[in-house]
Amino acid sequence: GDVYVHTVVVPEGYNMFEIAQAIQEAGLGPSNDFLNVATSDTALIADMAPDAKTLEGFLFPNTYEFTRTQSMTEMAAAMVKQFRGVAHELGLNADVLKTVTMASIVEKETGVPDEQAFVASVYDHRLAKKIPLQADPSVIYAEQLQGDYSGALHHQDMQFKSAYNTYSHAGLPPGPIGNPGKSALEAAMHPATTDFFYFVSDGNGHHRFAHSLKEHNQNVAAYKKAVEQQRH
């Protein structure tokens, strides 16, 4: 058989659909075969996260080398093993599913490690006050799960019926929306101490945080202005 080594790169924040695609592109077999494992083989994480419905969130971002002699289950298990190592290092043992779910949203909102603890604090405050998280990446994920994401988010999507829609549902989604890296997991475990309830991009890869809606609206205006200036 083919004992050739195929490299699969899983960046931080990739979800299981993207990982399945990367596996297929690496020549290791159909993406659907990996997705079947990722959506059904929860026995791999049952001890840590008995309520997890899929392996989403537990397929740790890394560069993997696989051969075609390995089954899709073995590939998923290798990713879960990486997750276990990092979880152990961080001392992650309580509320694993919840922490990984929070970390996955934080990861999708900002890849800047310094900002992740601030984003986590915003979501923590919203959860405590039962204010919807309003995380766009969760809506995109809801649509991917149902197979009808068009590649762009539209205003009507915010009404999308799904427990993963954090506009229409207060609280965390039922599970992770991607696979967070170490710093995002750390941020979810140890959010910064802030009084922030809002954040918006500054147009330069960072974010502005705000306590009040008034302050936030000023930040949004500044963002729109920055985007306009970049266009000209």
C-alpha atoms as a PDB file:
ATOM      1  CA  GLY A   1       0.000   0.000   0.000  1.00  0.00           C
ATOM      2  CA  ASP A   2       0.875   3.680   0.037  1.00  0.00           C
ATOM      3  CA  VAL A   3       3.189   4.270   2.997  1.00  0.00           C
ATOM      4  CA  TYR A   4       3.975   7.782   1.772  1.00  0.00           C
ATOM      5  CA  VAL A   5       3.645  10.449   4.478  1.00  0.00           C
ATOM      6  CA  HIS A   6       0.938  13.076   3.858  1.00  0.00           C
ATOM      7  CA  THR A   7       1.144  16.354   5.783  1.00  0.00           C
ATOM      8  CA  VAL A   8      -2.090  17.862   7.110  1.00  0.00           C
ATOM      9  CA  VAL A   9      -1.925  21.385   8.521  1.00  0.00           C
ATOM     10  CA  VAL A  10      -4.716  22.261  10.961  1.00  0.00           C
ATOM     11  CA  PRO A  11      -4.597  25.987  11.808  1.00  0.00           C
ATOM     12  CA  GLU A  12      -6.081  27.342  15.057  1.00  0.00           C
ATOM     13  CA  GLY A  13      -9.819  27.824  14.732  1.00  0.00           C
ATOM     14  CA  TYR A  14     -10.344  25.332  11.874  1.00  0.00           C
ATOM     15  CA  ASN A  15     -13.610  23.416  12.259  1.00  0.00           C
ATOM     16  CA  MET A  16     -14.191  19.762  11.439  1.00  0.00           C
ATOM     17  CA  PHE A  17     -15.494  20.600   7.951  1.00  0.00           C
ATOM     18  CA  GLU A  18     -12.250  22.438   7.167  1.00  0.00           C
ATOM     19  CA  ILE A  19     -10.103  19.665   8.676  1.00  0.00           C
ATOM     20  CA  ALA A  20     -11.988  17.057   6.619  1.00  0.00           C
ATOM     21  CA  GLN A  21     -11.300  19.130   3.512  1.00  0.00           C
ATOM     22  CA  ALA A  22      -7.582  19.392   4.413  1.00  0.00           C
ATOM     23  CA  ILE A  23      -7.416  15.618   4.845  1.00  0.00           C
ATOM     24  CA  GLN A  24      -9.000  15.081   1.445  1.00  0.00           C
ATOM     25  CA  GLU A  25      -6.672  17.626  -0.202  1.00  0.00           C
ATOM     26  CA  ALA A  26      -3.674  15.862   1.377  1.00  0.00           C
ATOM     27  CA  GLY A  27      -4.715  12.721  -0.505  1.00  0.00           C
ATOM     28  CA  LEU A  28      -5.746  10.717   2.564  1.00  0.00           C
ATOM     29  CA  GLY A  29      -9.298   9.908   1.516  1.00  0.00           C
ATOM     30  CA  PRO A  30     -12.730  11.516   1.110  1.00  0.00           C
ATOM     31  CA  SER A  31     -13.625  14.419   3.431  1.00  0.00           C
ATOM     32  CA  ASN A  32     -16.948  12.716   4.193  1.00  0.00           C
ATOM     33  CA  ASP A  33     -15.157   9.718   5.682  1.00  0.00           C
ATOM     34  CA  PHE A  34     -13.396  11.972   8.172  1.00  0.00           C
ATOM     35  CA  LEU A  35     -16.615  13.887   8.900  1.00  0.00           C
ATOM     36  CA  ASN A  36     -18.392  10.622   9.653  1.00  0.00           C
ATOM     37  CA  VAL A  37     -15.794   9.874  12.323  1.00  0.00           C
ATOM     38  CA  ALA A  38     -15.773  13.452  13.666  1.00  0.00           C
ATOM     39  CA  THR A  39     -19.542  13.465  14.056  1.00  0.00           C
ATOM     40  CA  SER A  40     -19.983   9.990  15.516  1.00  0.00           C
ATOM     41  CA  ASP A  41     -16.859   8.785  17.300  1.00  0.00           C
ATOM     42  CA  THR A  42     -17.472  10.659  20.544  1.00  0.00           C
ATOM     43  CA  ALA A  43     -16.233   7.649  22.533  1.00  0.00           C
ATOM     44  CA  LEU A  44     -12.772   9.182  21.972  1.00  0.00           C
ATOM     45  CA  ILE A  45     -13.614  12.029  24.368  1.00  0.00           C
ATOM     46  CA  ALA A  46     -16.435  10.562  26.477  1.00  0.00           C
ATOM     47  CA  ASP A  47     -14.318  10.571  29.642  1.00  0.00           C
ATOM     48  CA  MET A  48     -13.581  14.314  29.333  1.00  0.00           C
ATOM     49  CA  ALA A  49     -16.742  15.605  27.718  1.00  0.00           C
ATOM     50  CA  PRO A  50     -19.562  13.078  28.067  1.00  0.00           C
ATOM     51  CA  ASP A  51     -22.101  15.561  26.629  1.00  0.00           C
ATOM     52  CA  ALA A  52     -20.159  16.311  23.449  1.00  0.00           C
ATOM     53  CA  LYS A  53     -22.165  15.405  20.339  1.00  0.00           C
ATOM     54  CA  THR A  54     -19.151  15.539  17.979  1.00  0.00           C
ATOM     55  CA  LEU A  55     -15.351  15.767  18.189  1.00  0.00           C
ATOM     56  CA  GLU A  56     -15.529  19.460  17.278  1.00  0.00           C
ATOM     57  CA  GLY A  57     -13.218  21.424  19.576  1.00  0.00           C
ATOM     58  CA  PHE A  58     -11.112  18.400  20.494  1.00  0.00           C
ATOM     59  CA  LEU A  59      -9.221  18.046  17.194  1.00  0.00           C
ATOM     60  CA  PHE A  60      -6.203  20.061  18.259  1.00  0.00           C
ATOM     61  CA  PRO A  61      -4.628  22.504  15.746  1.00  0.00           C
ATOM     62  CA  ASN A  62      -1.199  21.258  14.675  1.00  0.00           C
ATOM     63  CA  THR A  63       0.747  19.901  11.713  1.00  0.00           C
ATOM     64  CA  TYR A  64       0.081  16.184  11.365  1.00  0.00           C
ATOM     65  CA  GLU A  65       1.799  13.538   9.299  1.00  0.00           C
ATOM     66  CA  PHE A  66      -0.387  10.605   8.304  1.00  0.00           C
ATOM     67  CA  THR A  67      -0.116   7.693   5.918  1.00  0.00           C
ATOM     68  CA  ARG A  68      -2.941   6.026   4.028  1.00  0.00           C
ATOM     69  CA  THR A  69      -2.413   2.923   6.148  1.00  0.00           C
ATOM     70  CA  GLN A  70      -4.070   4.823   9.009  1.00  0.00           C
ATOM     71  CA  SER A  71      -7.832   4.867   9.392  1.00  0.00           C
ATOM     72  CA  MET A  72      -9.801   8.111   9.732  1.00  0.00           C
ATOM     73  CA  THR A  73     -10.502   7.108  13.338  1.00  0.00           C
ATOM     74  CA  GLU A  74      -6.756   6.879  13.995  1.00  0.00           C
ATOM     75  CA  MET A  75      -6.244  10.331  12.488  1.00  0.00           C
ATOM     76  CA  ALA A  76      -8.988  11.827  14.656  1.00  0.00           C
ATOM     77  CA  ALA A  77      -7.544  10.014  17.692  1.00  0.00           C
ATOM     78  CA  ALA A  78      -4.116  11.561  16.997  1.00  0.00           C
ATOM     79  CA  MET A  79      -5.715  15.036  17.086  1.00  0.00           C
ATOM     80  CA  VAL A  80      -7.617  14.245  20.280  1.00  0.00           C
ATOM     81  CA  LYS A  81      -4.383  13.008  21.846  1.00  0.00           C
ATOM     82  CA  GLN A  82      -2.797  16.399  21.133  1.00  0.00           C
ATOM     83  CA  PHE A  83      -5.788  18.069  22.785  1.00  0.00           C
ATOM     84  CA  ARG A  84      -5.405  15.881  25.867  1.00  0.00           C
ATOM     85  CA  GLY A  85      -1.749  16.874  26.202  1.00  0.00           C
ATOM     86  CA  VAL A  86      -2.537  20.597  26.112  1.00  0.00           C
ATOM     87  CA  ALA A  87      -5.578  20.224  28.385  1.00  0.00           C
ATOM     88  CA  HIS A  88      -3.394  18.414  30.899  1.00  0.00           C
ATOM     89  CA  GLU A  89      -0.748  21.126  30.671  1.00  0.00           C
ATOM     90  CA  LEU A  90      -3.342  23.846  31.303  1.00  0.00           C
ATOM     91  CA  GLY A  91      -5.054  21.932  34.088  1.00  0.00           C
ATOM     92  CA  LEU A  92      -8.343  21.890  32.193  1.00  0.00           C
ATOM     93  CA  ASN A  93     -10.623  19.412  33.940  1.00  0.00           C
ATOM     94  CA  ALA A  94     -13.821  21.134  35.097  1.00  0.00           C
ATOM     95  CA  ASP A  95     -16.583  21.949  32.603  1.00  0.00           C
ATOM     96  CA  VAL A  96     -14.443  20.856  29.675  1.00  0.00           C
ATOM     97  CA  LEU A  97     -17.150  21.114  26.994  1.00  0.00           C
ATOM     98  CA  LYS A  98     -18.200  24.575  28.179  1.00  0.00           C
ATOM     99  CA  THR A  99     -14.618  25.845  28.312  1.00  0.00           C
ATOM    100  CA  VAL A 100     -13.772  24.470  24.859  1.00  0.00           C
ATOM    101  CA  THR A 101     -16.999  25.942  23.454  1.00  0.00           C
ATOM    102  CA  MET A 102     -16.124  29.378  24.857  1.00  0.00           C
ATOM    103  CA  ALA A 103     -12.519  29.052  23.649  1.00  0.00           C
ATOM    104  CA  SER A 104     -13.699  28.142  20.137  1.00  0.00           C
ATOM    105  CA  ILE A 105     -15.745  31.352  19.878  1.00  0.00           C
ATOM    106  CA  VAL A 106     -12.877  33.423  21.287  1.00  0.00           C
ATOM    107  CA  GLU A 107     -10.523  31.840  18.731  1.00  0.00           C
ATOM    108  CA  LYS A 108     -12.841  32.675  15.841  1.00  0.00           C
ATOM    109  CA  GLU A 109     -13.262  36.280  17.024  1.00  0.00           C
ATOM    110  CA  THR A 110      -9.574  37.061  17.407  1.00  0.00           C
ATOM    111  CA  GLY A 111      -6.357  35.221  16.706  1.00  0.00           C
ATOM    112  CA  VAL A 112      -4.413  37.819  18.720  1.00  0.00           C
ATOM    113  CA  PRO A 113      -3.381  36.022  21.941  1.00  0.00           C
ATOM    114  CA  ASP A 114      -3.162  39.307  23.923  1.00  0.00           C
ATOM    115  CA  GLU A 115      -6.783  40.097  23.124  1.00  0.00           C
ATOM    116  CA  GLN A 116      -8.314  36.687  23.700  1.00  0.00           C
ATOM    117  CA  ALA A 117      -8.674  37.084  27.479  1.00  0.00           C
ATOM    118  CA  PHE A 118     -10.533  40.380  26.897  1.00  0.00           C
ATOM    119  CA  VAL A 119     -12.907  38.789  24.399  1.00  0.00           C
ATOM    120  CA  ALA A 120     -13.496  35.953  26.892  1.00  0.00           C
ATOM    121  CA  SER A 121     -14.346  38.538  29.576  1.00  0.00           C
ATOM    122  CA  VAL A 122     -16.930  40.164  27.276  1.00  0.00           C
ATOM    123  CA  TYR A 123     -18.645  36.810  26.704  1.00  0.00           C
ATOM    124  CA  ASP A 124     -18.479  35.918  30.393  1.00  0.00           C
ATOM    125  CA  HIS A 125     -20.233  39.175  31.288  1.00  0.00           C
ATOM    126  CA  ARG A 126     -22.872  38.582  28.643  1.00  0.00           C
ATOM    127  CA  LEU A 127     -23.497  35.037  29.872  1.00  0.00           C
ATOM    128  CA  ALA A 128     -23.831  36.266  33.450  1.00  0.00           C
ATOM    129  CA  LYS A 129     -26.369  38.926  32.413  1.00  0.00           C
ATOM    130  CA  LYS A 130     -28.130  36.578  29.954  1.00  0.00           C
ATOM    131  CA  ILE A 131     -27.383  38.927  27.059  1.00  0.00           C
ATOM    132  CA  PRO A 132     -27.016  37.079  23.730  1.00  0.00           C
ATOM    133  CA  LEU A 133     -23.350  36.618  22.790  1.00  0.00           C
ATOM    134  CA  GLN A 134     -24.043  37.759  19.205  1.00  0.00           C
ATOM    135  CA  ALA A 135     -20.987  36.007  17.804  1.00  0.00           C
ATOM    136  CA  ASP A 136     -21.129  35.977  13.987  1.00  0.00           C
ATOM    137  CA  PRO A 137     -18.914  32.870  13.658  1.00  0.00           C
ATOM    138  CA  SER A 138     -21.521  30.838  15.540  1.00  0.00           C
ATOM    139  CA  VAL A 139     -24.179  31.738  12.960  1.00  0.00           C
ATOM    140  CA  ILE A 140     -21.858  30.739  10.125  1.00  0.00           C
ATOM    141  CA  TYR A 141     -21.235  27.442  11.901  1.00  0.00           C
ATOM    142  CA  ALA A 142     -24.977  26.853  12.342  1.00  0.00           C
ATOM    143  CA  GLU A 143     -25.357  27.168   8.579  1.00  0.00           C
ATOM    144  CA  GLN A 144     -22.389  24.883   7.876  1.00  0.00           C
ATOM    145  CA  LEU A 145     -23.945  22.216  10.105  1.00  0.00           C
ATOM    146  CA  GLN A 146     -27.089  22.363   7.984  1.00  0.00           C
ATOM    147  CA  GLY A 147     -25.067  22.522   4.785  1.00  0.00           C
ATOM    148  CA  ASP A 148     -26.322  25.855   3.513  1.00  0.00           C
ATOM    149  CA  TYR A 149     -23.656  28.449   4.225  1.00  0.00           C
ATOM    150  CA  SER A 150     -23.266  30.668   1.161  1.00  0.00           C
ATOM    151  CA  GLY A 151     -19.817  32.008   2.023  1.00  0.00           C
ATOM    152  CA  ALA A 152     -21.064  35.361   3.288  1.00  0.00           C
ATOM    153  CA  LEU A 153     -23.199  36.369   6.256  1.00  0.00           C
ATOM    154  CA  HIS A 154     -26.362  38.365   5.542  1.00  0.00           C
ATOM    155  CA  HIS A 155     -28.612  40.254   7.883  1.00  0.00           C
ATOM    156  CA  GLN A 156     -31.441  37.731   7.525  1.00  0.00           C
ATOM    157  CA  ASP A 157     -29.044  35.017   8.730  1.00  0.00           C
ATOM    158  CA  MET A 158     -29.240  36.497  12.227  1.00  0.00           C
ATOM    159  CA  GLN A 159     -32.786  35.073  12.395  1.00  0.00           C
ATOM    160  CA  PHE A 160     -31.480  31.621  11.438  1.00  0.00           C
ATOM    161  CA  LYS A 161     -33.130  28.911  13.549  1.00  0.00           C
ATOM    162  CA  SER A 162     -30.424  26.990  15.347  1.00  0.00           C
ATOM    163  CA  ALA A 163     -29.242  26.487  18.910  1.00  0.00           C
ATOM    164  CA  TYR A 164     -25.865  27.632  17.528  1.00  0.00           C
ATOM    165  CA  ASN A 165     -27.327  31.041  16.622  1.00  0.00           C
ATOM    166  CA  THR A 166     -25.999  33.285  19.422  1.00  0.00           C
ATOM    167  CA  TYR A 167     -28.171  36.175  18.232  1.00  0.00           C
ATOM    168  CA  SER A 168     -31.473  34.400  18.837  1.00  0.00           C
ATOM    169  CA  HIS A 169     -30.299  32.269  21.798  1.00  0.00           C
ATOM    170  CA  ALA A 170     -28.771  33.636  24.969  1.00  0.00           C
ATOM    171  CA  GLY A 171     -26.037  31.471  26.438  1.00  0.00           C
ATOM    172  CA  LEU A 172     -23.325  29.350  24.871  1.00  0.00           C
ATOM    173  CA  PRO A 173     -24.036  27.223  21.803  1.00  0.00           C
ATOM    174  CA  PRO A 174     -24.453  23.457  22.482  1.00  0.00           C
ATOM    175  CA  GLY A 175     -20.831  22.776  21.550  1.00  0.00           C
ATOM    176  CA  PRO A 176     -17.671  24.223  20.028  1.00  0.00           C
ATOM    177  CA  ILE A 177     -17.735  25.930  16.619  1.00  0.00           C
ATOM    178  CA  GLY A 178     -14.102  25.154  15.796  1.00  0.00           C
ATOM    179  CA  ASN A 179     -10.895  23.853  17.311  1.00  0.00           C
ATOM    180  CA  PRO A 180      -9.215  26.397  19.566  1.00  0.00           C
ATOM    181  CA  GLY A 181      -5.480  26.614  20.170  1.00  0.00           C
ATOM    182  CA  LYS A 182      -3.706  26.793  23.507  1.00  0.00           C
ATOM    183  CA  SER A 183      -3.967  30.548  24.089  1.00  0.00           C
ATOM    184  CA  ALA A 184      -7.723  30.601  23.387  1.00  0.00           C
ATOM    185  CA  LEU A 185      -8.248  27.701  25.827  1.00  0.00           C
ATOM    186  CA  GLU A 186      -6.227  29.599  28.391  1.00  0.00           C
ATOM    187  CA  ALA A 187      -8.304  32.759  27.819  1.00  0.00           C
ATOM    188  CA  ALA A 188     -11.542  30.825  28.306  1.00  0.00           C
ATOM    189  CA  MET A 189     -10.198  29.379  31.565  1.00  0.00           C
ATOM    190  CA  HIS A 190      -8.845  32.713  32.814  1.00  0.00           C
ATOM    191  CA  PRO A 191     -10.727  35.669  31.301  1.00  0.00           C
ATOM    192  CA  ALA A 192      -9.281  39.128  31.929  1.00  0.00           C
ATOM    193  CA  THR A 193     -10.832  41.216  34.720  1.00  0.00           C
ATOM    194  CA  THR A 194     -12.720  43.927  32.831  1.00  0.00           C
ATOM    195  CA  ASP A 195     -16.102  45.635  32.716  1.00  0.00           C
ATOM    196  CA  PHE A 196     -16.422  45.235  28.945  1.00  0.00           C
ATOM    197  CA  PHE A 197     -19.642  44.129  27.243  1.00  0.00           C
ATOM    198  CA  TYR A 198     -18.790  44.984  23.628  1.00  0.00           C
ATOM    199  CA  PHE A 199     -15.963  44.808  21.135  1.00  0.00           C
ATOM    200  CA  VAL A 200     -15.465  45.635  17.478  1.00  0.00           C
ATOM    201  CA  SER A 201     -12.591  45.379  15.030  1.00  0.00           C
ATOM    202  CA  ASP A 202     -10.394  48.466  14.649  1.00  0.00           C
ATOM    203  CA  GLY A 203      -9.829  47.583  10.979  1.00  0.00           C
ATOM    204  CA  ASN A 204      -6.170  46.717  11.620  1.00  0.00           C
ATOM    205  CA  GLY A 205      -6.431  43.210  13.009  1.00  0.00           C
ATOM    206  CA  HIS A 206      -7.121  44.319  16.578  1.00  0.00           C
ATOM    207  CA  HIS A 207     -10.250  45.258  18.527  1.00  0.00           C
ATOM    208  CA  ARG A 208     -11.672  48.111  20.569  1.00  0.00           C
ATOM    209  CA  PHE A 209     -13.499  47.139  23.744  1.00  0.00           C
ATOM    210  CA  ALA A 210     -16.318  49.059  25.408  1.00  0.00           C
ATOM    211  CA  HIS A 211     -18.340  49.056  28.604  1.00  0.00           C
ATOM    212  CA  SER A 212     -21.388  50.955  27.304  1.00  0.00           C
ATOM    213  CA  LEU A 213     -23.375  50.819  24.079  1.00  0.00           C
ATOM    214  CA  LYS A 214     -22.679  54.537  23.544  1.00  0.00           C
ATOM    215  CA  GLU A 215     -18.926  53.945  23.714  1.00  0.00           C
ATOM    216  CA  HIS A 216     -19.292  50.866  21.492  1.00  0.00           C
ATOM    217  CA  ASN A 217     -21.218  52.830  18.853  1.00  0.00           C
ATOM    218  CA  GLN A 218     -18.346  55.343  18.711  1.00  0.00           C
ATOM    219  CA  ASN A 219     -15.928  52.440  18.190  1.00  0.00           C
ATOM    220  CA  VAL A 220     -18.138  51.041  15.418  1.00  0.00           C
ATOM    221  CA  ALA A 221     -18.164  54.463  13.713  1.00  0.00           C
ATOM    222  CA  ALA A 222     -14.361  54.609  13.975  1.00  0.00           C
ATOM    223  CA  TYR A 223     -14.128  51.135  12.440  1.00  0.00           C
ATOM    224  CA  LYS A 224     -16.368  52.085   9.514  1.00  0.00           C
ATOM    225  CA  LYS A 225     -14.271  55.190   8.937  1.00  0.00           C
ATOM    226  CA  ALA A 226     -11.053  53.131   8.950  1.00  0.00           C
ATOM    227  CA  VAL A 227     -12.524  50.713   6.387  1.00  0.00           C
ATOM    228  CA  GLU A 228     -13.607  53.649   4.181  1.00  0.00           C
ATOM    229  CA  GLN A 229     -10.102  55.144   4.298  1.00  0.00           C
ATOM    230  CA  GLN A 230      -8.575  51.800   3.302  1.00  0.00           C
ATOM    231  CA  ARG A 231     -10.801  51.717   0.228  1.00  0.00           C
ATOM    232  CA  HIS A 232      -9.469  55.052  -1.090  1.00  0.00           C
END
